[in-house]
Amino acid sequence: MRWFLSVCLCLLCACNAPTRHFRDVPLTRIAVEDSIFDIRIKGELAEAVRINRQYAPRLGPIGPRAARAMAHISGCEVERILGDQAVILGILDCDGVPNTYPRTSGQYDCITVDRWTNHGLGIETLEFECSPY
């Protein structure tokens, strides 16, 4: 029983740890609407680890927020996102511009200022405004 509790405690402590590829990469914490992410950038990849508790049964509502956070911190467009509602991997498109990550450091608060929906394709596009805390 003690062994089981020790394993559970260790797993809980690693909830916001980076994946192996992003180990030893500095992070920037950013808030986008109700989601708080730890963003790590390495080359043309970005990782967003959602660290707050919120109901998110799938990537759908969390993905655009994570992509916006990665784009804001990296200064590059996010070409594609992969992952789940807790750990999101973004493929960056920097158009040959050297990555100057992080553009700024610290925490950000972002709000949605506009929203477009393509009902035919089922794609929702969000526009955000972010400002440092």
N, C-alpha and C. Protein backbone atom coordinates (compact mmCIF):
# COMPACT_ATOMS: atom_id res chain seq x y z
N MET A 1 0.82 -1.19 0.00
CA MET A 1 0.00 0.00 0.00
C MET A 1 0.87 1.26 0.00
N ARG A 2 1.92 1.26 0.79
CA ARG A 2 2.81 2.42 0.82
C ARG A 2 3.46 2.64 -0.54
N TRP A 3 3.83 1.54 -1.20
CA TRP A 3 4.45 1.63 -2.52
C TRP A 3 3.49 2.30 -3.51
N PHE A 4 2.23 1.91 -3.48
CA PHE A 4 1.23 2.48 -4.37
C PHE A 4 1.06 3.98 -4.12
N LEU A 5 0.98 4.38 -2.87
CA LEU A 5 0.83 5.80 -2.53
C LEU A 5 2.07 6.59 -2.94
N SER A 6 3.25 6.01 -2.81
CA SER A 6 4.48 6.68 -3.23
C SER A 6 4.50 6.90 -4.74
N VAL A 7 4.08 5.90 -5.48
CA VAL A 7 4.03 6.03 -6.95
C VAL A 7 3.02 7.11 -7.34
N CYS A 8 1.86 7.12 -6.73
CA CYS A 8 0.84 8.13 -7.04
C CYS A 8 1.35 9.53 -6.73
N LEU A 9 2.03 9.69 -5.62
CA LEU A 9 2.57 10.99 -5.25
C LEU A 9 3.62 11.45 -6.25
N CYS A 10 4.47 10.53 -6.68
CA CYS A 10 5.50 10.88 -7.69
C CYS A 10 4.86 11.29 -9.00
N LEU A 11 3.81 10.61 -9.41
CA LEU A 11 3.13 10.95 -10.65
C LEU A 11 2.46 12.32 -10.56
N LEU A 12 1.89 12.63 -9.42
CA LEU A 12 1.26 13.93 -9.24
C LEU A 12 2.29 15.05 -9.25
N CYS A 13 3.47 14.80 -8.74
CA CYS A 13 4.51 15.83 -8.71
C CYS A 13 5.04 16.14 -10.11
N ALA A 14 4.88 15.23 -11.04
CA ALA A 14 5.42 15.41 -12.38
C ALA A 14 4.37 15.94 -13.37
N CYS A 15 3.26 16.45 -12.89
CA CYS A 15 2.18 16.86 -13.78
C CYS A 15 2.56 17.98 -14.73
N ASN A 16 3.37 18.94 -14.32
CA ASN A 16 3.71 20.03 -15.22
C ASN A 16 5.17 19.96 -15.67
N ALA A 17 5.76 18.79 -15.59
CA ALA A 17 7.14 18.63 -16.03
C ALA A 17 7.19 18.58 -17.56
N PRO A 18 8.28 19.08 -18.15
CA PRO A 18 8.39 19.04 -19.61
C PRO A 18 8.62 17.62 -20.11
N THR A 19 8.36 17.40 -21.39
CA THR A 19 8.68 16.12 -21.98
C THR A 19 10.19 16.02 -22.15
N ARG A 20 10.67 14.84 -22.50
CA ARG A 20 12.11 14.59 -22.56
C ARG A 20 12.83 15.53 -23.53
N HIS A 21 12.23 15.84 -24.67
CA HIS A 21 12.86 16.70 -25.68
C HIS A 21 13.07 18.12 -25.16
N PHE A 22 12.20 18.58 -24.27
CA PHE A 22 12.26 19.95 -23.78
C PHE A 22 12.89 20.07 -22.39
N ARG A 23 13.50 18.99 -21.92
CA ARG A 23 14.17 19.03 -20.63
C ARG A 23 15.30 20.05 -20.69
N ASP A 24 15.53 20.80 -19.64
CA ASP A 24 16.58 21.82 -19.52
C ASP A 24 16.35 23.03 -20.41
N VAL A 25 15.15 23.21 -20.95
CA VAL A 25 14.82 24.39 -21.74
C VAL A 25 14.07 25.36 -20.83
N PRO A 26 14.46 26.64 -20.80
CA PRO A 26 13.76 27.59 -19.93
C PRO A 26 12.30 27.75 -20.34
N LEU A 27 11.46 28.11 -19.40
CA LEU A 27 10.04 28.24 -19.69
C LEU A 27 9.59 29.67 -19.47
N THR A 28 8.48 29.99 -20.11
CA THR A 28 7.78 31.24 -19.89
C THR A 28 6.34 30.90 -19.58
N ARG A 29 5.80 31.45 -18.52
CA ARG A 29 4.42 31.18 -18.13
C ARG A 29 3.52 32.26 -18.72
N ILE A 30 2.41 31.83 -19.32
CA ILE A 30 1.49 32.77 -19.96
C ILE A 30 0.05 32.31 -19.69
N ALA A 31 -0.82 33.28 -19.47
CA ALA A 31 -2.25 33.00 -19.27
C ALA A 31 -3.00 33.46 -20.50
N VAL A 32 -3.81 32.58 -21.07
CA VAL A 32 -4.66 32.91 -22.21
C VAL A 32 -6.08 32.53 -21.79
N GLU A 33 -6.91 33.54 -21.66
CA GLU A 33 -8.26 33.38 -21.13
C GLU A 33 -8.18 32.64 -19.80
N ASP A 34 -8.80 31.47 -19.69
CA ASP A 34 -8.82 30.74 -18.42
C ASP A 34 -7.72 29.69 -18.33
N SER A 35 -6.85 29.62 -19.30
CA SER A 35 -5.80 28.59 -19.33
C SER A 35 -4.44 29.21 -19.03
N ILE A 36 -3.65 28.51 -18.23
CA ILE A 36 -2.30 28.96 -17.91
C ILE A 36 -1.34 27.89 -18.43
N PHE A 37 -0.36 28.33 -19.22
CA PHE A 37 0.58 27.42 -19.87
C PHE A 37 2.01 27.73 -19.48
N ASP A 38 2.83 26.69 -19.41
CA ASP A 38 4.28 26.81 -19.37
C ASP A 38 4.75 26.54 -20.79
N ILE A 39 5.36 27.53 -21.42
CA ILE A 39 5.79 27.42 -22.81
C ILE A 39 7.30 27.21 -22.86
N ARG A 40 7.73 26.21 -23.62
CA ARG A 40 9.15 25.95 -23.87
C ARG A 40 9.35 25.89 -25.38
N ILE A 41 10.41 26.53 -25.87
CA ILE A 41 10.71 26.58 -27.30
C ILE A 41 12.08 25.95 -27.51
N LYS A 42 12.16 25.05 -28.50
CA LYS A 42 13.43 24.44 -28.86
C LYS A 42 13.44 24.27 -30.37
N GLY A 43 14.22 25.11 -31.05
CA GLY A 43 14.29 25.06 -32.51
C GLY A 43 12.96 25.44 -33.13
N GLU A 44 12.43 24.57 -33.96
CA GLU A 44 11.15 24.82 -34.64
C GLU A 44 9.98 24.15 -33.93
N LEU A 45 10.17 23.74 -32.67
CA LEU A 45 9.12 23.11 -31.90
C LEU A 45 8.83 23.92 -30.64
N ALA A 46 7.58 23.92 -30.24
CA ALA A 46 7.18 24.58 -29.00
C ALA A 46 6.31 23.61 -28.22
N GLU A 47 6.43 23.67 -26.90
CA GLU A 47 5.62 22.82 -26.04
C GLU A 47 4.86 23.71 -25.07
N ALA A 48 3.56 23.47 -24.97
CA ALA A 48 2.71 24.18 -24.01
C ALA A 48 2.16 23.15 -23.04
N VAL A 49 2.50 23.30 -21.76
CA VAL A 49 1.99 22.41 -20.72
C VAL A 49 0.97 23.22 -19.92
N ARG A 50 -0.29 22.80 -19.97
CA ARG A 50 -1.33 23.51 -19.21
C ARG A 50 -1.18 23.14 -17.75
N ILE A 51 -1.08 24.15 -16.89
CA ILE A 51 -0.78 23.87 -15.48
C ILE A 51 -1.95 24.16 -14.55
N ASN A 52 -3.02 24.75 -15.05
CA ASN A 52 -4.13 25.03 -14.15
C ASN A 52 -5.19 23.94 -14.26
N ARG A 53 -6.01 23.86 -13.24
CA ARG A 53 -7.10 22.90 -13.24
C ARG A 53 -8.29 23.53 -13.94
N GLN A 54 -8.78 22.86 -14.95
CA GLN A 54 -10.00 23.30 -15.61
C GLN A 54 -10.58 22.13 -16.38
N TYR A 55 -11.86 22.17 -16.59
CA TYR A 55 -12.52 21.09 -17.31
C TYR A 55 -12.13 21.19 -18.78
N ALA A 56 -11.46 20.18 -19.28
CA ALA A 56 -11.04 20.14 -20.67
C ALA A 56 -11.00 18.68 -21.12
N PRO A 57 -12.11 18.13 -21.57
CA PRO A 57 -12.12 16.71 -21.93
C PRO A 57 -11.40 16.39 -23.24
N ARG A 58 -11.08 17.42 -24.02
CA ARG A 58 -10.41 17.19 -25.30
C ARG A 58 -9.58 18.42 -25.66
N LEU A 59 -8.82 18.33 -26.74
CA LEU A 59 -7.94 19.41 -27.18
C LEU A 59 -8.72 20.59 -27.75
N GLY A 60 -9.90 20.36 -28.28
CA GLY A 60 -10.70 21.37 -28.97
C GLY A 60 -10.64 22.78 -28.43
N PRO A 61 -11.12 23.06 -27.22
CA PRO A 61 -11.12 24.43 -26.73
C PRO A 61 -9.75 24.91 -26.23
N ILE A 62 -8.86 23.99 -25.91
CA ILE A 62 -7.55 24.35 -25.36
C ILE A 62 -6.53 24.61 -26.46
N GLY A 63 -6.63 23.90 -27.58
CA GLY A 63 -5.65 23.99 -28.66
C GLY A 63 -5.40 25.40 -29.18
N PRO A 64 -6.45 26.15 -29.56
CA PRO A 64 -6.21 27.51 -30.06
C PRO A 64 -5.57 28.43 -29.03
N ARG A 65 -5.89 28.25 -27.77
CA ARG A 65 -5.26 29.05 -26.72
C ARG A 65 -3.77 28.74 -26.61
N ALA A 66 -3.45 27.45 -26.65
CA ALA A 66 -2.05 27.04 -26.57
C ALA A 66 -1.27 27.54 -27.79
N ALA A 67 -1.89 27.45 -28.98
CA ALA A 67 -1.22 27.92 -30.20
C ALA A 67 -0.96 29.42 -30.12
N ARG A 68 -1.90 30.16 -29.60
CA ARG A 68 -1.72 31.62 -29.47
C ARG A 68 -0.61 31.93 -28.48
N ALA A 69 -0.57 31.19 -27.39
CA ALA A 69 0.49 31.40 -26.39
C ALA A 69 1.86 31.09 -26.99
N MET A 70 1.97 29.97 -27.74
CA MET A 70 3.25 29.61 -28.36
C MET A 70 3.68 30.65 -29.39
N ALA A 71 2.73 31.15 -30.18
CA ALA A 71 3.05 32.16 -31.20
C ALA A 71 3.51 33.45 -30.55
N HIS A 72 2.85 33.84 -29.47
CA HIS A 72 3.20 35.09 -28.79
C HIS A 72 4.61 35.02 -28.20
N ILE A 73 4.93 33.92 -27.57
CA ILE A 73 6.23 33.79 -26.92
C ILE A 73 7.35 33.59 -27.94
N SER A 74 7.12 32.79 -28.98
CA SER A 74 8.18 32.48 -29.94
C SER A 74 8.38 33.57 -30.99
N GLY A 75 7.33 34.32 -31.30
CA GLY A 75 7.41 35.29 -32.38
C GLY A 75 7.21 34.66 -33.75
N CYS A 76 6.83 33.39 -33.80
CA CYS A 76 6.62 32.66 -35.05
C CYS A 76 5.16 32.23 -35.14
N GLU A 77 4.74 31.92 -36.37
CA GLU A 77 3.41 31.36 -36.56
C GLU A 77 3.43 29.89 -36.15
N VAL A 78 2.32 29.41 -35.61
CA VAL A 78 2.19 28.00 -35.27
C VAL A 78 1.51 27.31 -36.46
N GLU A 79 2.26 26.45 -37.11
CA GLU A 79 1.79 25.77 -38.32
C GLU A 79 0.80 24.66 -37.99
N ARG A 80 1.07 23.93 -36.91
CA ARG A 80 0.24 22.77 -36.56
C ARG A 80 0.40 22.47 -35.08
N ILE A 81 -0.66 21.96 -34.46
CA ILE A 81 -0.57 21.54 -33.08
C ILE A 81 -0.93 20.07 -32.97
N LEU A 82 -0.29 19.42 -32.02
CA LEU A 82 -0.51 18.00 -31.74
C LEU A 82 -0.56 17.83 -30.23
N GLY A 83 -1.15 16.75 -29.77
CA GLY A 83 -1.13 16.46 -28.35
C GLY A 83 -2.51 16.27 -27.78
N ASP A 84 -2.60 16.52 -26.48
CA ASP A 84 -3.87 16.39 -25.80
C ASP A 84 -4.15 17.67 -25.04
N GLN A 85 -5.13 17.64 -24.15
CA GLN A 85 -5.55 18.85 -23.46
C GLN A 85 -4.58 19.32 -22.39
N ALA A 86 -3.58 18.53 -22.07
CA ALA A 86 -2.62 18.91 -21.03
C ALA A 86 -1.25 19.30 -21.59
N VAL A 87 -0.76 18.55 -22.59
CA VAL A 87 0.54 18.82 -23.20
C VAL A 87 0.34 18.96 -24.70
N ILE A 88 0.61 20.16 -25.22
CA ILE A 88 0.39 20.47 -26.62
C ILE A 88 1.74 20.77 -27.27
N LEU A 89 2.01 20.14 -28.40
CA LEU A 89 3.23 20.37 -29.16
C LEU A 89 2.86 21.21 -30.37
N GLY A 90 3.61 22.29 -30.59
CA GLY A 90 3.37 23.16 -31.73
C GLY A 90 4.54 23.12 -32.69
N ILE A 91 4.24 23.02 -33.98
CA ILE A 91 5.27 23.09 -35.01
C ILE A 91 5.29 24.53 -35.50
N LEU A 92 6.45 25.18 -35.35
CA LEU A 92 6.57 26.60 -35.64
C LEU A 92 7.00 26.83 -37.08
N ASP A 93 6.50 27.92 -37.66
CA ASP A 93 6.90 28.36 -38.99
C ASP A 93 7.45 29.77 -38.84
N CYS A 94 8.78 29.87 -38.80
CA CYS A 94 9.44 31.16 -38.56
C CYS A 94 9.86 31.84 -39.86
N ASP A 95 9.54 31.28 -41.02
CA ASP A 95 9.88 31.87 -42.32
C ASP A 95 11.35 32.23 -42.45
N GLY A 96 12.23 31.37 -41.94
CA GLY A 96 13.66 31.60 -42.07
C GLY A 96 14.22 32.65 -41.13
N VAL A 97 13.38 33.28 -40.35
CA VAL A 97 13.83 34.30 -39.39
C VAL A 97 14.39 33.58 -38.18
N PRO A 98 15.58 33.96 -37.70
CA PRO A 98 16.13 33.29 -36.52
C PRO A 98 15.18 33.45 -35.33
N ASN A 99 15.00 32.38 -34.61
CA ASN A 99 14.13 32.38 -33.44
C ASN A 99 14.80 33.17 -32.32
N THR A 100 14.15 34.22 -31.87
CA THR A 100 14.70 35.07 -30.81
C THR A 100 13.99 34.79 -29.49
N TYR A 101 13.65 33.54 -29.27
CA TYR A 101 12.94 33.16 -28.05
C TYR A 101 13.77 33.46 -26.82
N PRO A 102 13.16 33.90 -25.74
CA PRO A 102 11.83 34.47 -25.72
C PRO A 102 11.86 35.94 -26.11
N ARG A 103 10.84 36.38 -26.81
CA ARG A 103 10.79 37.80 -27.19
C ARG A 103 10.74 38.65 -25.94
N THR A 104 9.93 38.24 -25.01
CA THR A 104 9.88 38.88 -23.70
C THR A 104 9.68 37.77 -22.69
N SER A 105 9.92 38.06 -21.46
CA SER A 105 9.75 37.03 -20.45
C SER A 105 8.70 37.49 -19.45
N GLY A 106 8.29 36.58 -18.61
CA GLY A 106 7.31 36.90 -17.59
C GLY A 106 5.98 36.27 -17.88
N GLN A 107 4.96 36.76 -17.23
CA GLN A 107 3.62 36.21 -17.38
C GLN A 107 2.76 37.18 -18.18
N TYR A 108 1.82 36.62 -18.94
CA TYR A 108 0.96 37.40 -19.80
C TYR A 108 -0.49 37.07 -19.51
N ASP A 109 -1.33 38.03 -19.77
CA ASP A 109 -2.77 37.83 -19.67
C ASP A 109 -3.33 38.11 -21.05
N CYS A 110 -4.04 37.15 -21.62
CA CYS A 110 -4.58 37.28 -22.97
C CYS A 110 -6.09 37.17 -22.95
N ILE A 111 -6.74 37.96 -23.78
CA ILE A 111 -8.19 37.88 -23.91
C ILE A 111 -8.53 37.70 -25.39
N THR A 112 -9.66 37.07 -25.65
CA THR A 112 -10.13 36.90 -27.01
C THR A 112 -10.81 38.19 -27.44
N VAL A 113 -10.37 38.75 -28.58
CA VAL A 113 -10.98 39.99 -29.07
C VAL A 113 -11.87 39.75 -30.28
N ASP A 114 -11.68 38.63 -30.96
CA ASP A 114 -12.53 38.33 -32.10
C ASP A 114 -12.55 36.83 -32.34
N ARG A 115 -13.61 36.34 -32.96
CA ARG A 115 -13.78 34.91 -33.20
C ARG A 115 -14.50 34.71 -34.53
N TRP A 116 -13.93 33.86 -35.37
CA TRP A 116 -14.55 33.52 -36.65
C TRP A 116 -14.78 32.03 -36.69
N THR A 117 -15.88 31.61 -37.26
CA THR A 117 -16.18 30.19 -37.38
C THR A 117 -16.54 29.86 -38.82
N ASN A 118 -15.86 28.86 -39.38
CA ASN A 118 -16.20 28.32 -40.69
C ASN A 118 -17.04 27.08 -40.41
N HIS A 119 -18.34 27.21 -40.50
CA HIS A 119 -19.24 26.11 -40.15
C HIS A 119 -19.10 24.94 -41.11
N GLY A 120 -18.78 25.22 -42.39
CA GLY A 120 -18.62 24.15 -43.37
C GLY A 120 -17.46 23.23 -43.03
N LEU A 121 -16.33 23.80 -42.64
CA LEU A 121 -15.16 23.00 -42.29
C LEU A 121 -15.07 22.69 -40.80
N GLY A 122 -15.88 23.38 -40.01
CA GLY A 122 -15.84 23.15 -38.57
C GLY A 122 -14.59 23.73 -37.92
N ILE A 123 -14.06 24.82 -38.49
CA ILE A 123 -12.84 25.43 -37.98
C ILE A 123 -13.18 26.74 -37.30
N GLU A 124 -12.64 26.93 -36.12
CA GLU A 124 -12.84 28.18 -35.39
C GLU A 124 -11.50 28.90 -35.29
N THR A 125 -11.48 30.18 -35.60
CA THR A 125 -10.28 30.99 -35.53
C THR A 125 -10.48 32.06 -34.47
N LEU A 126 -9.51 32.21 -33.60
CA LEU A 126 -9.58 33.19 -32.53
C LEU A 126 -8.49 34.23 -32.69
N GLU A 127 -8.78 35.47 -32.31
CA GLU A 127 -7.78 36.52 -32.29
C GLU A 127 -7.65 36.99 -30.85
N PHE A 128 -6.40 37.10 -30.38
CA PHE A 128 -6.13 37.43 -28.99
C PHE A 128 -5.36 38.72 -28.88
N GLU A 129 -5.48 39.38 -27.74
CA GLU A 129 -4.61 40.48 -27.35
C GLU A 129 -3.98 40.09 -26.03
N CYS A 130 -2.65 40.17 -25.96
CA CYS A 130 -1.93 39.78 -24.76
C CYS A 130 -1.16 40.97 -24.19
N SER A 131 -1.08 41.01 -22.88
CA SER A 131 -0.29 42.04 -22.24
C SER A 131 0.40 41.42 -21.02
N PRO A 132 1.61 41.92 -20.70
CA PRO A 132 2.32 41.38 -19.52
C PRO A 132 1.55 41.71 -18.24
N TYR A 133 1.71 40.86 -17.23
CA TYR A 133 1.11 41.15 -15.92
C TYR A 133 1.74 42.38 -15.35
